[in-house]
Amino acid sequence: MSPVTHFFTGWVFANCFDLGRRDRALVTLACVAPDVDGLGIIPELITRNSADPLLWFSLYHHSLHNLAFALVVAAIAFALGAEKWKTGLLALLSFHVHLFEDVLGSRGPDGYQWPIPYLAPFSSSLQFVWRGQWGLNAWPNVLITIVLLFITLWLARRKGFSPLEMVSAKADSALIAALRKRFPARTAVTIDGYTIKLCRDRDFAWIVYREPSGRTLTLEAHDWLAPGNQPEVLVDFPTEIAFCDDELPPVKGGTMKLGNPDTPSSLITKEEAILVQERISEGLTRLKIRHEFARPRRSGWTSFEDGREIYHG
């Protein structure tokens, strides 16, 4: 298959696991690494009309599609990875996913089926080939590439990073912002009459929790594009909370009244607070928003003036 198809395959495969940025890149590139032997096509094309052409592609294509080079790639991933054993083993698997794809669809235009010399250069006794192998430019390869591209874009919108992170964090952020603007995620859900909504604007994030009776709780939240082991949303859940009559979003230059009590008599019980937190957690889970709860060190008013956060105890 095409190196582009292998690249998207490696990226999707890497995203099946909890990996950091560097380890994702290593596992992804491991799925492309076998095609390094295909770079011989460049000097072969350049010298094809000369008296002594370099037949590097014709002679050595697939010479690195073997177990020995797979172990080399895995060793490099192990050495460079943050989670060494995990990254090394996944790189080894990713390399073999490439081999599997080539067995499926790499037949040349002349009908030649490229065998995989798995034990080369030490032995030629084991070679992988499939009689049903389709052509390199056949429609299944095109379809697989398109599907992988859409999955890559879906993962980018969902997780907050794309393959562009390998070359430019700025370009990656711009792509994510464009995808999320064009395809906004569902941000509200109603469970048994209780509504949980995640609100965002350019500067703030907050959770609105509304009960069937109309009582509303607004909680400050912190969200960021940090995948891996970090939560997508961190919700401030005070030890003492009280409802208000309506949701009060933060407004630049104005004031955001959080779920803090006006008077001690307006406090809800500890048991009710636990139920509220459980409902909010269930709602965010249904919205597929990773989250955690934090206890603010202080409770009171928080206002935002000229982009600065000001606390009023």
C-alpha atoms as a PDB file:
ATOM      1  CA  MET A   1       0.000   0.000   0.000  1.00  0.00           C
ATOM      2  CA  SER A   2       0.931   3.639  -0.279  1.00  0.00           C
ATOM      3  CA  PRO A   3       3.151   5.201   2.426  1.00  0.00           C
ATOM      4  CA  VAL A   4       0.301   7.675   2.988  1.00  0.00           C
ATOM      5  CA  THR A   5      -2.044   4.793   3.818  1.00  0.00           C
ATOM      6  CA  HIS A   6       0.564   3.291   6.128  1.00  0.00           C
ATOM      7  CA  PHE A   7       1.032   6.651   7.853  1.00  0.00           C
ATOM      8  CA  PHE A   8      -2.671   7.087   8.602  1.00  0.00           C
ATOM      9  CA  THR A   9      -2.843   3.444   9.681  1.00  0.00           C
ATOM     10  CA  GLY A  10       0.016   3.991  12.113  1.00  0.00           C
ATOM     11  CA  TRP A  11      -1.591   7.143  13.496  1.00  0.00           C
ATOM     12  CA  VAL A  12      -4.940   5.455  14.075  1.00  0.00           C
ATOM     13  CA  PHE A  13      -3.183   2.458  15.623  1.00  0.00           C
ATOM     14  CA  ALA A  14      -1.154   4.690  17.969  1.00  0.00           C
ATOM     15  CA  ASN A  15      -4.336   6.435  19.085  1.00  0.00           C
ATOM     16  CA  CYS A  16      -5.785   3.147  20.253  1.00  0.00           C
ATOM     17  CA  PHE A  17      -3.436   3.454  23.240  1.00  0.00           C
ATOM     18  CA  ASP A  18      -2.694   6.041  25.894  1.00  0.00           C
ATOM     19  CA  LEU A  19       0.551   7.520  24.590  1.00  0.00           C
ATOM     20  CA  GLY A  20       2.309  10.831  24.888  1.00  0.00           C
ATOM     21  CA  ARG A  21       3.170  13.008  21.925  1.00  0.00           C
ATOM     22  CA  ARG A  22       6.641  11.573  21.285  1.00  0.00           C
ATOM     23  CA  ASP A  23       5.541   7.969  21.739  1.00  0.00           C
ATOM     24  CA  ARG A  24       2.567   8.494  19.374  1.00  0.00           C
ATOM     25  CA  ALA A  25       4.962   9.764  16.729  1.00  0.00           C
ATOM     26  CA  LEU A  26       7.329   6.808  17.167  1.00  0.00           C
ATOM     27  CA  VAL A  27       4.548   4.221  16.880  1.00  0.00           C
ATOM     28  CA  THR A  28       3.091   6.034  13.857  1.00  0.00           C
ATOM     29  CA  LEU A  29       6.420   6.266  12.035  1.00  0.00           C
ATOM     30  CA  ALA A  30       7.126   2.600  12.755  1.00  0.00           C
ATOM     31  CA  CYS A  31       4.214   1.800  10.449  1.00  0.00           C
ATOM     32  CA  VAL A  32       5.926   3.748   7.642  1.00  0.00           C
ATOM     33  CA  ALA A  33       9.510   2.673   8.340  1.00  0.00           C
ATOM     34  CA  PRO A  34       9.535  -0.464   6.099  1.00  0.00           C
ATOM     35  CA  ASP A  35       9.039   1.739   3.040  1.00  0.00           C
ATOM     36  CA  VAL A  36      12.449   3.335   3.569  1.00  0.00           C
ATOM     37  CA  ASP A  37      13.650   0.700   1.105  1.00  0.00           C
ATOM     38  CA  GLY A  38      11.380   2.277  -1.495  1.00  0.00           C
ATOM     39  CA  LEU A  39      13.456   5.475  -1.562  1.00  0.00           C
ATOM     40  CA  GLY A  40      15.650   3.742  -4.134  1.00  0.00           C
ATOM     41  CA  ILE A  41      13.054   4.712  -6.720  1.00  0.00           C
ATOM     42  CA  ILE A  42      14.450   8.267  -6.737  1.00  0.00           C
ATOM     43  CA  PRO A  43      17.960   7.460  -8.068  1.00  0.00           C
ATOM     44  CA  GLU A  44      16.462   4.775 -10.299  1.00  0.00           C
ATOM     45  CA  LEU A  45      14.166   7.312 -11.990  1.00  0.00           C
ATOM     46  CA  ILE A  46      16.982   9.853 -12.272  1.00  0.00           C
ATOM     47  CA  THR A  47      19.366   7.398 -13.924  1.00  0.00           C
ATOM     48  CA  ARG A  48      16.902   5.318 -15.932  1.00  0.00           C
ATOM     49  CA  ASN A  49      18.020   6.807 -19.291  1.00  0.00           C
ATOM     50  CA  SER A  50      21.717   6.645 -18.509  1.00  0.00           C
ATOM     51  CA  ALA A  51      24.134   4.028 -19.767  1.00  0.00           C
ATOM     52  CA  ASP A  52      24.485   2.552 -16.283  1.00  0.00           C
ATOM     53  CA  PRO A  53      21.146   3.019 -14.452  1.00  0.00           C
ATOM     54  CA  LEU A  54      20.878   2.438 -10.710  1.00  0.00           C
ATOM     55  CA  LEU A  55      18.271  -0.268 -10.178  1.00  0.00           C
ATOM     56  CA  TRP A  56      18.015   0.265  -6.423  1.00  0.00           C
ATOM     57  CA  PHE A  57      14.229   0.156  -6.305  1.00  0.00           C
ATOM     58  CA  SER A  58      13.871  -2.858  -8.599  1.00  0.00           C
ATOM     59  CA  LEU A  59      16.528  -4.809  -6.722  1.00  0.00           C
ATOM     60  CA  TYR A  60      16.006  -3.744  -3.119  1.00  0.00           C
ATOM     61  CA  HIS A  61      12.340  -2.838  -2.769  1.00  0.00           C
ATOM     62  CA  HIS A  62      10.917  -4.812   0.176  1.00  0.00           C
ATOM     63  CA  SER A  63      14.441  -5.648   1.377  1.00  0.00           C
ATOM     64  CA  LEU A  64      13.597  -4.017   4.740  1.00  0.00           C
ATOM     65  CA  HIS A  65      10.185  -5.652   5.048  1.00  0.00           C
ATOM     66  CA  ASN A  66      11.470  -8.261   7.466  1.00  0.00           C
ATOM     67  CA  LEU A  67      11.727  -9.227  11.110  1.00  0.00           C
ATOM     68  CA  ALA A  68      15.324  -8.029  11.458  1.00  0.00           C
ATOM     69  CA  PHE A  69      14.476  -4.443  10.488  1.00  0.00           C
ATOM     70  CA  ALA A  70      11.324  -4.627  12.633  1.00  0.00           C
ATOM     71  CA  LEU A  71      13.510  -5.340  15.657  1.00  0.00           C
ATOM     72  CA  VAL A  72      15.784  -2.419  14.731  1.00  0.00           C
ATOM     73  CA  VAL A  73      12.803  -0.052  14.522  1.00  0.00           C
ATOM     74  CA  ALA A  74      11.437  -1.372  17.827  1.00  0.00           C
ATOM     75  CA  ALA A  75      14.835  -0.862  19.469  1.00  0.00           C
ATOM     76  CA  ILE A  76      14.961   2.747  18.238  1.00  0.00           C
ATOM     77  CA  ALA A  77      11.443   3.371  19.555  1.00  0.00           C
ATOM     78  CA  PHE A  78      12.458   1.804  22.872  1.00  0.00           C
ATOM     79  CA  ALA A  79      15.518   4.067  23.122  1.00  0.00           C
ATOM     80  CA  LEU A  80      13.653   7.269  22.229  1.00  0.00           C
ATOM     81  CA  GLY A  81      10.300   6.584  23.872  1.00  0.00           C
ATOM     82  CA  ALA A  82       9.121   7.976  27.193  1.00  0.00           C
ATOM     83  CA  GLU A  83       7.354   4.713  28.077  1.00  0.00           C
ATOM     84  CA  LYS A  84      10.106   2.565  26.670  1.00  0.00           C
ATOM     85  CA  TRP A  85       8.733  -0.984  26.810  1.00  0.00           C
ATOM     86  CA  LYS A  86       5.231   0.039  25.831  1.00  0.00           C
ATOM     87  CA  THR A  87       6.416   2.177  22.941  1.00  0.00           C
ATOM     88  CA  GLY A  88       8.924  -0.408  21.730  1.00  0.00           C
ATOM     89  CA  LEU A  89       6.366  -3.223  21.675  1.00  0.00           C
ATOM     90  CA  LEU A  90       3.714  -1.072  19.991  1.00  0.00           C
ATOM     91  CA  ALA A  91       6.258   0.037  17.380  1.00  0.00           C
ATOM     92  CA  LEU A  92       6.990  -3.629  16.676  1.00  0.00           C
ATOM     93  CA  LEU A  93       3.262  -4.310  16.240  1.00  0.00           C
ATOM     94  CA  SER A  94       2.829  -1.197  14.096  1.00  0.00           C
ATOM     95  CA  PHE A  95       5.640  -2.387  11.814  1.00  0.00           C
ATOM     96  CA  HIS A  96       3.849  -5.707  11.359  1.00  0.00           C
ATOM     97  CA  VAL A  97       0.574  -3.934  10.581  1.00  0.00           C
ATOM     98  CA  HIS A  98       2.452  -2.417   7.631  1.00  0.00           C
ATOM     99  CA  LEU A  99       3.536  -5.876   6.482  1.00  0.00           C
ATOM    100  CA  PHE A 100      -0.046  -7.129   6.744  1.00  0.00           C
ATOM    101  CA  GLU A 101      -1.317  -4.240   4.628  1.00  0.00           C
ATOM    102  CA  ASP A 102       1.320  -4.921   1.978  1.00  0.00           C
ATOM    103  CA  VAL A 103       0.300  -8.565   1.792  1.00  0.00           C
ATOM    104  CA  LEU A 104      -3.274  -7.405   1.148  1.00  0.00           C
ATOM    105  CA  GLY A 105      -2.787  -4.755  -1.493  1.00  0.00           C
ATOM    106  CA  SER A 106       0.608  -4.151  -3.086  1.00  0.00           C
ATOM    107  CA  ARG A 107       0.463  -6.009  -6.386  1.00  0.00           C
ATOM    108  CA  GLY A 108       2.354  -4.164  -9.101  1.00  0.00           C
ATOM    109  CA  PRO A 109       0.834  -2.935 -12.385  1.00  0.00           C
ATOM    110  CA  ASP A 110       2.508  -5.859 -14.171  1.00  0.00           C
ATOM    111  CA  GLY A 111       0.676  -8.322 -11.918  1.00  0.00           C
ATOM    112  CA  TYR A 112       3.736  -9.167  -9.840  1.00  0.00           C
ATOM    113  CA  GLN A 113       2.869  -9.968  -6.229  1.00  0.00           C
ATOM    114  CA  TRP A 114       5.509  -8.559  -3.912  1.00  0.00           C
ATOM    115  CA  PRO A 115       6.440 -11.259  -1.380  1.00  0.00           C
ATOM    116  CA  ILE A 116       7.431 -10.314   2.170  1.00  0.00           C
ATOM    117  CA  PRO A 117      10.890 -11.839   2.852  1.00  0.00           C
ATOM    118  CA  TYR A 118      10.227 -12.092   6.580  1.00  0.00           C
ATOM    119  CA  LEU A 119      13.499 -13.771   7.628  1.00  0.00           C
ATOM    120  CA  ALA A 120      15.792 -11.899   5.227  1.00  0.00           C
ATOM    121  CA  PRO A 121      18.691 -11.415   5.021  1.00  0.00           C
ATOM    122  CA  PHE A 122      19.387 -14.590   7.016  1.00  0.00           C
ATOM    123  CA  SER A 123      16.995 -16.933   5.225  1.00  0.00           C
ATOM    124  CA  SER A 124      14.612 -16.981   2.281  1.00  0.00           C
ATOM    125  CA  SER A 125      12.651 -19.961   3.569  1.00  0.00           C
ATOM    126  CA  LEU A 126       9.726 -17.894   4.847  1.00  0.00           C
ATOM    127  CA  GLN A 127       8.000 -15.434   2.529  1.00  0.00           C
ATOM    128  CA  PHE A 128       4.488 -14.073   2.895  1.00  0.00           C
ATOM    129  CA  VAL A 129       2.292 -13.704  -0.168  1.00  0.00           C
ATOM    130  CA  TRP A 130      -1.441 -13.850  -0.807  1.00  0.00           C
ATOM    131  CA  ARG A 131      -2.987 -14.974  -4.091  1.00  0.00           C
ATOM    132  CA  GLY A 132      -5.864 -12.538  -3.675  1.00  0.00           C
ATOM    133  CA  GLN A 133      -3.564  -9.524  -3.336  1.00  0.00           C
ATOM    134  CA  TRP A 134      -5.054  -6.526  -5.112  1.00  0.00           C
ATOM    135  CA  GLY A 135      -3.213  -3.827  -7.037  1.00  0.00           C
ATOM    136  CA  LEU A 136      -1.445  -0.923  -5.400  1.00  0.00           C
ATOM    137  CA  ASN A 137      -3.765   1.541  -7.161  1.00  0.00           C
ATOM    138  CA  ALA A 138      -6.919  -0.577  -6.772  1.00  0.00           C
ATOM    139  CA  TRP A 139     -10.105   0.868  -5.282  1.00  0.00           C
ATOM    140  CA  PRO A 140      -9.786  -0.953  -1.905  1.00  0.00           C
ATOM    141  CA  ASN A 141      -6.581   0.957  -1.185  1.00  0.00           C
ATOM    142  CA  VAL A 142      -8.221   4.243  -2.104  1.00  0.00           C
ATOM    143  CA  LEU A 143     -11.218   3.454   0.092  1.00  0.00           C
ATOM    144  CA  ILE A 144      -9.046   2.399   3.039  1.00  0.00           C
ATOM    145  CA  THR A 145      -7.041   5.617   2.768  1.00  0.00           C
ATOM    146  CA  ILE A 146     -10.179   7.776   2.700  1.00  0.00           C
ATOM    147  CA  VAL A 147     -11.664   5.952   5.699  1.00  0.00           C
ATOM    148  CA  LEU A 148      -8.423   6.344   7.644  1.00  0.00           C
ATOM    149  CA  LEU A 149      -8.314  10.055   6.789  1.00  0.00           C
ATOM    150  CA  PHE A 150     -11.829  10.571   8.145  1.00  0.00           C
ATOM    151  CA  ILE A 151     -10.966   8.608  11.293  1.00  0.00           C
ATOM    152  CA  THR A 152      -7.866  10.780  11.721  1.00  0.00           C
ATOM    153  CA  LEU A 153      -9.954  13.959  11.486  1.00  0.00           C
ATOM    154  CA  TRP A 154     -12.549  12.521  13.871  1.00  0.00           C
ATOM    155  CA  LEU A 155      -9.807  11.673  16.377  1.00  0.00           C
ATOM    156  CA  ALA A 156      -8.363  15.165  16.002  1.00  0.00           C
ATOM    157  CA  ARG A 157     -11.692  16.810  16.805  1.00  0.00           C
ATOM    158  CA  ARG A 158     -12.353  14.401  19.665  1.00  0.00           C
ATOM    159  CA  LYS A 159      -8.914  14.251  21.300  1.00  0.00           C
ATOM    160  CA  GLY A 160      -7.531  17.676  20.504  1.00  0.00           C
ATOM    161  CA  PHE A 161      -4.447  16.727  18.495  1.00  0.00           C
ATOM    162  CA  SER A 162      -3.615  15.542  14.981  1.00  0.00           C
ATOM    163  CA  PRO A 163      -0.570  14.263  13.054  1.00  0.00           C
ATOM    164  CA  LEU A 164       0.389  17.909  12.537  1.00  0.00           C
ATOM    165  CA  GLU A 165       1.647  17.912  16.121  1.00  0.00           C
ATOM    166  CA  MET A 166       4.744  16.123  14.801  1.00  0.00           C
ATOM    167  CA  VAL A 167       5.825  19.195  12.831  1.00  0.00           C
ATOM    168  CA  SER A 168       4.033  22.251  14.252  1.00  0.00           C
ATOM    169  CA  ALA A 169       2.074  22.750  17.455  1.00  0.00           C
ATOM    170  CA  LYS A 170       0.664  25.991  16.042  1.00  0.00           C
ATOM    171  CA  ALA A 171      -0.622  24.321  12.872  1.00  0.00           C
ATOM    172  CA  ASP A 172      -2.039  21.485  14.949  1.00  0.00           C
ATOM    173  CA  SER A 173      -3.948  23.894  17.196  1.00  0.00           C
ATOM    174  CA  ALA A 174      -5.285  25.770  14.169  1.00  0.00           C
ATOM    175  CA  LEU A 175      -6.594  22.541  12.621  1.00  0.00           C
ATOM    176  CA  ILE A 176      -8.275  21.472  15.875  1.00  0.00           C
ATOM    177  CA  ALA A 177      -9.887  24.884  16.281  1.00  0.00           C
ATOM    178  CA  ALA A 178     -11.202  24.763  12.707  1.00  0.00           C
ATOM    179  CA  LEU A 179     -12.590  21.236  13.124  1.00  0.00           C
ATOM    180  CA  ARG A 180     -14.309  22.051  16.407  1.00  0.00           C
ATOM    181  CA  LYS A 181     -15.761  25.234  14.987  1.00  0.00           C
ATOM    182  CA  ARG A 182     -17.069  23.449  11.887  1.00  0.00           C
ATOM    183  CA  PHE A 183     -18.299  20.379  13.783  1.00  0.00           C
ATOM    184  CA  PRO A 184     -19.156  21.488  17.312  1.00  0.00           C
ATOM    185  CA  ALA A 185     -19.523  18.714  19.842  1.00  0.00           C
ATOM    186  CA  ARG A 186     -22.709  18.076  21.783  1.00  0.00           C
ATOM    187  CA  THR A 187     -22.353  19.972  25.056  1.00  0.00           C
ATOM    188  CA  ALA A 188     -25.640  19.345  26.892  1.00  0.00           C
ATOM    189  CA  VAL A 189     -27.512  16.275  28.047  1.00  0.00           C
ATOM    190  CA  THR A 190     -30.697  15.714  30.068  1.00  0.00           C
ATOM    191  CA  ILE A 191     -30.947  12.722  32.394  1.00  0.00           C
ATOM    192  CA  ASP A 192     -34.271  12.116  34.188  1.00  0.00           C
ATOM    193  CA  GLY A 193     -35.101  15.804  33.917  1.00  0.00           C
ATOM    194  CA  TYR A 194     -31.686  17.000  35.155  1.00  0.00           C
ATOM    195  CA  THR A 195     -29.732  19.001  32.572  1.00  0.00           C
ATOM    196  CA  ILE A 196     -25.931  19.158  32.532  1.00  0.00           C
ATOM    197  CA  LYS A 197     -24.334  21.582  30.105  1.00  0.00           C
ATOM    198  CA  LEU A 198     -20.718  22.481  29.401  1.00  0.00           C
ATOM    199  CA  CYS A 199     -20.405  26.099  28.292  1.00  0.00           C
ATOM    200  CA  ARG A 200     -17.356  27.643  26.694  1.00  0.00           C
ATOM    201  CA  ASP A 201     -16.404  30.965  25.260  1.00  0.00           C
ATOM    202  CA  ARG A 202     -13.059  32.383  24.217  1.00  0.00           C
ATOM    203  CA  ASP A 203     -11.781  32.858  27.767  1.00  0.00           C
ATOM    204  CA  PHE A 204     -13.886  30.747  30.122  1.00  0.00           C
ATOM    205  CA  ALA A 205     -15.517  27.387  30.686  1.00  0.00           C
ATOM    206  CA  TRP A 206     -18.287  26.572  33.138  1.00  0.00           C
ATOM    207  CA  ILE A 207     -20.756  23.820  33.991  1.00  0.00           C
ATOM    208  CA  VAL A 208     -24.475  24.522  34.291  1.00  0.00           C
ATOM    209  CA  TYR A 209     -26.544  22.032  36.267  1.00  0.00           C
ATOM    210  CA  ARG A 210     -30.326  22.527  36.191  1.00  0.00           C
ATOM    211  CA  GLU A 211     -32.897  20.520  38.117  1.00  0.00           C
ATOM    212  CA  PRO A 212     -36.487  19.836  37.020  1.00  0.00           C
ATOM    213  CA  SER A 213     -37.674  22.397  39.585  1.00  0.00           C
ATOM    214  CA  GLY A 214     -35.642  25.100  37.843  1.00  0.00           C
ATOM    215  CA  ARG A 215     -32.912  25.360  40.454  1.00  0.00           C
ATOM    216  CA  THR A 216     -29.602  26.023  38.751  1.00  0.00           C
ATOM    217  CA  LEU A 217     -26.005  25.586  39.780  1.00  0.00           C
ATOM    218  CA  THR A 218     -23.113  27.175  37.891  1.00  0.00           C
ATOM    219  CA  LEU A 219     -19.645  25.763  38.489  1.00  0.00           C
ATOM    220  CA  GLU A 220     -16.368  27.077  37.185  1.00  0.00           C
ATOM    221  CA  ALA A 221     -14.415  24.665  34.982  1.00  0.00           C
ATOM    222  CA  HIS A 222     -11.006  24.605  33.388  1.00  0.00           C
ATOM    223  CA  ASP A 223     -10.576  22.918  30.033  1.00  0.00           C
ATOM    224  CA  TRP A 224      -7.617  22.503  27.745  1.00  0.00           C
ATOM    225  CA  LEU A 225      -6.386  20.466  24.798  1.00  0.00           C
ATOM    226  CA  ALA A 226      -4.313  18.116  26.900  1.00  0.00           C
ATOM    227  CA  PRO A 227      -4.916  14.442  26.120  1.00  0.00           C
ATOM    228  CA  GLY A 228      -3.080  11.503  27.569  1.00  0.00           C
ATOM    229  CA  ASN A 229      -3.519  11.165  31.301  1.00  0.00           C
ATOM    230  CA  GLN A 230      -4.890  14.663  31.857  1.00  0.00           C
ATOM    231  CA  PRO A 231      -8.626  15.369  32.194  1.00  0.00           C
ATOM    232  CA  GLU A 232     -10.239  17.391  29.463  1.00  0.00           C
ATOM    233  CA  VAL A 233     -12.275  19.343  32.015  1.00  0.00           C
ATOM    234  CA  LEU A 234     -11.445  20.083  35.644  1.00  0.00           C
ATOM    235  CA  VAL A 235     -14.593  21.131  37.531  1.00  0.00           C
ATOM    236  CA  ASP A 236     -14.350  23.258  40.671  1.00  0.00           C
ATOM    237  CA  PHE A 237     -16.780  21.703  43.132  1.00  0.00           C
ATOM    238  CA  PRO A 238     -16.800  23.703  46.412  1.00  0.00           C
ATOM    239  CA  THR A 239     -17.298  21.976  49.747  1.00  0.00           C
ATOM    240  CA  GLU A 240     -20.202  24.367  50.354  1.00  0.00           C
ATOM    241  CA  ILE A 241     -22.591  25.089  47.487  1.00  0.00           C
ATOM    242  CA  ALA A 242     -25.958  26.721  46.995  1.00  0.00           C
ATOM    243  CA  PHE A 243     -28.349  26.986  44.052  1.00  0.00           C
ATOM    244  CA  CYS A 244     -29.422  30.147  42.308  1.00  0.00           C
ATOM    245  CA  ASP A 245     -32.522  30.889  40.236  1.00  0.00           C
ATOM    246  CA  ASP A 246     -30.797  30.970  36.857  1.00  0.00           C
ATOM    247  CA  GLU A 247     -27.509  30.195  35.222  1.00  0.00           C
ATOM    248  CA  LEU A 248     -24.978  32.975  35.493  1.00  0.00           C
ATOM    249  CA  PRO A 249     -22.261  32.661  32.862  1.00  0.00           C
ATOM    250  CA  PRO A 250     -19.030  34.611  33.187  1.00  0.00           C
ATOM    251  CA  VAL A 251     -19.081  37.858  31.251  1.00  0.00           C
ATOM    252  CA  LYS A 252     -15.971  39.830  30.525  1.00  0.00           C
ATOM    253  CA  GLY A 253     -16.053  42.959  32.619  1.00  0.00           C
ATOM    254  CA  GLY A 254     -18.884  41.510  34.714  1.00  0.00           C
ATOM    255  CA  THR A 255     -19.212  39.037  37.517  1.00  0.00           C
ATOM    256  CA  MET A 256     -19.729  35.303  37.662  1.00  0.00           C
ATOM    257  CA  LYS A 257     -21.542  34.041  40.734  1.00  0.00           C
ATOM    258  CA  LEU A 258     -20.416  30.473  41.305  1.00  0.00           C
ATOM    259  CA  GLY A 259     -22.149  27.804  43.334  1.00  0.00           C
ATOM    260  CA  ASN A 260     -21.200  29.464  46.615  1.00  0.00           C
ATOM    261  CA  PRO A 261     -23.743  30.277  49.331  1.00  0.00           C
ATOM    262  CA  ASP A 262     -25.139  33.784  49.881  1.00  0.00           C
ATOM    263  CA  THR A 263     -26.011  32.859  53.453  1.00  0.00           C
ATOM    264  CA  PRO A 264     -25.440  29.743  55.596  1.00  0.00           C
ATOM    265  CA  SER A 265     -29.146  28.976  55.407  1.00  0.00           C
ATOM    266  CA  SER A 266     -28.977  28.525  51.620  1.00  0.00           C
ATOM    267  CA  LEU A 267     -26.502  25.655  51.825  1.00  0.00           C
ATOM    268  CA  ILE A 268     -27.512  22.271  50.493  1.00  0.00           C
ATOM    269  CA  THR A 269     -26.726  19.174  52.492  1.00  0.00           C
ATOM    270  CA  LYS A 270     -23.584  17.133  52.025  1.00  0.00           C
ATOM    271  CA  GLU A 271     -25.655  14.184  50.801  1.00  0.00           C
ATOM    272  CA  GLU A 272     -27.409  16.347  48.192  1.00  0.00           C
ATOM    273  CA  ALA A 273     -24.058  17.746  47.075  1.00  0.00           C
ATOM    274  CA  ILE A 274     -22.803  14.193  46.481  1.00  0.00           C
ATOM    275  CA  LEU A 275     -25.867  13.438  44.330  1.00  0.00           C
ATOM    276  CA  VAL A 276     -25.328  16.639  42.351  1.00  0.00           C
ATOM    277  CA  GLN A 277     -21.697  15.741  41.707  1.00  0.00           C
ATOM    278  CA  GLU A 278     -22.675  12.216  40.619  1.00  0.00           C
ATOM    279  CA  ARG A 279     -25.275  13.576  38.180  1.00  0.00           C
ATOM    280  CA  ILE A 280     -22.798  16.060  36.724  1.00  0.00           C
ATOM    281  CA  SER A 281     -20.214  13.302  36.333  1.00  0.00           C
ATOM    282  CA  GLU A 282     -22.743  11.034  34.604  1.00  0.00           C
ATOM    283  CA  GLY A 283     -23.749  13.848  32.265  1.00  0.00           C
ATOM    284  CA  LEU A 284     -20.162  14.662  31.289  1.00  0.00           C
ATOM    285  CA  THR A 285     -19.483  10.959  30.781  1.00  0.00           C
ATOM    286  CA  ARG A 286     -22.457  10.673  28.426  1.00  0.00           C
ATOM    287  CA  LEU A 287     -21.132  13.684  26.552  1.00  0.00           C
ATOM    288  CA  LYS A 288     -17.814  11.799  26.279  1.00  0.00           C
ATOM    289  CA  ILE A 289     -16.011  14.592  28.103  1.00  0.00           C
ATOM    290  CA  ARG A 290     -13.198  13.399  30.310  1.00  0.00           C
ATOM    291  CA  HIS A 291     -13.335  15.155  33.647  1.00  0.00           C
ATOM    292  CA  GLU A 292     -12.230  15.402  37.244  1.00  0.00           C
ATOM    293  CA  PHE A 293     -13.447  17.401  40.222  1.00  0.00           C
ATOM    294  CA  ALA A 294     -11.374  19.717  42.360  1.00  0.00           C
ATOM    295  CA  ARG A 295     -12.063  21.502  45.642  1.00  0.00           C
ATOM    296  CA  PRO A 296     -11.385  25.231  45.334  1.00  0.00           C
ATOM    297  CA  ARG A 297      -9.214  26.565  48.111  1.00  0.00           C
ATOM    298  CA  ARG A 298     -11.608  29.461  48.624  1.00  0.00           C
ATOM    299  CA  SER A 299     -15.242  30.186  47.994  1.00  0.00           C
ATOM    300  CA  GLY A 300     -16.778  33.490  47.088  1.00  0.00           C
ATOM    301  CA  TRP A 301     -17.239  35.750  44.096  1.00  0.00           C
ATOM    302  CA  THR A 302     -14.991  35.672  41.083  1.00  0.00           C
ATOM    303  CA  SER A 303     -15.063  38.551  38.620  1.00  0.00           C
ATOM    304  CA  PHE A 304     -13.225  39.076  35.378  1.00  0.00           C
ATOM    305  CA  GLU A 305     -12.167  42.593  34.523  1.00  0.00           C
ATOM    306  CA  ASP A 306      -9.979  43.419  31.524  1.00  0.00           C
ATOM    307  CA  GLY A 307      -9.118  39.755  31.199  1.00  0.00           C
ATOM    308  CA  ARG A 308      -7.965  39.506  34.844  1.00  0.00           C
ATOM    309  CA  GLU A 309      -9.558  37.193  37.387  1.00  0.00           C
ATOM    310  CA  ILE A 310     -10.378  38.945  40.654  1.00  0.00           C
ATOM    311  CA  TYR A 311     -11.539  37.081  43.769  1.00  0.00           C
ATOM    312  CA  HIS A 312     -14.052  38.624  46.188  1.00  0.00           C
ATOM    313  CA  GLY A 313     -14.256  36.718  49.487  1.00  0.00           C
END
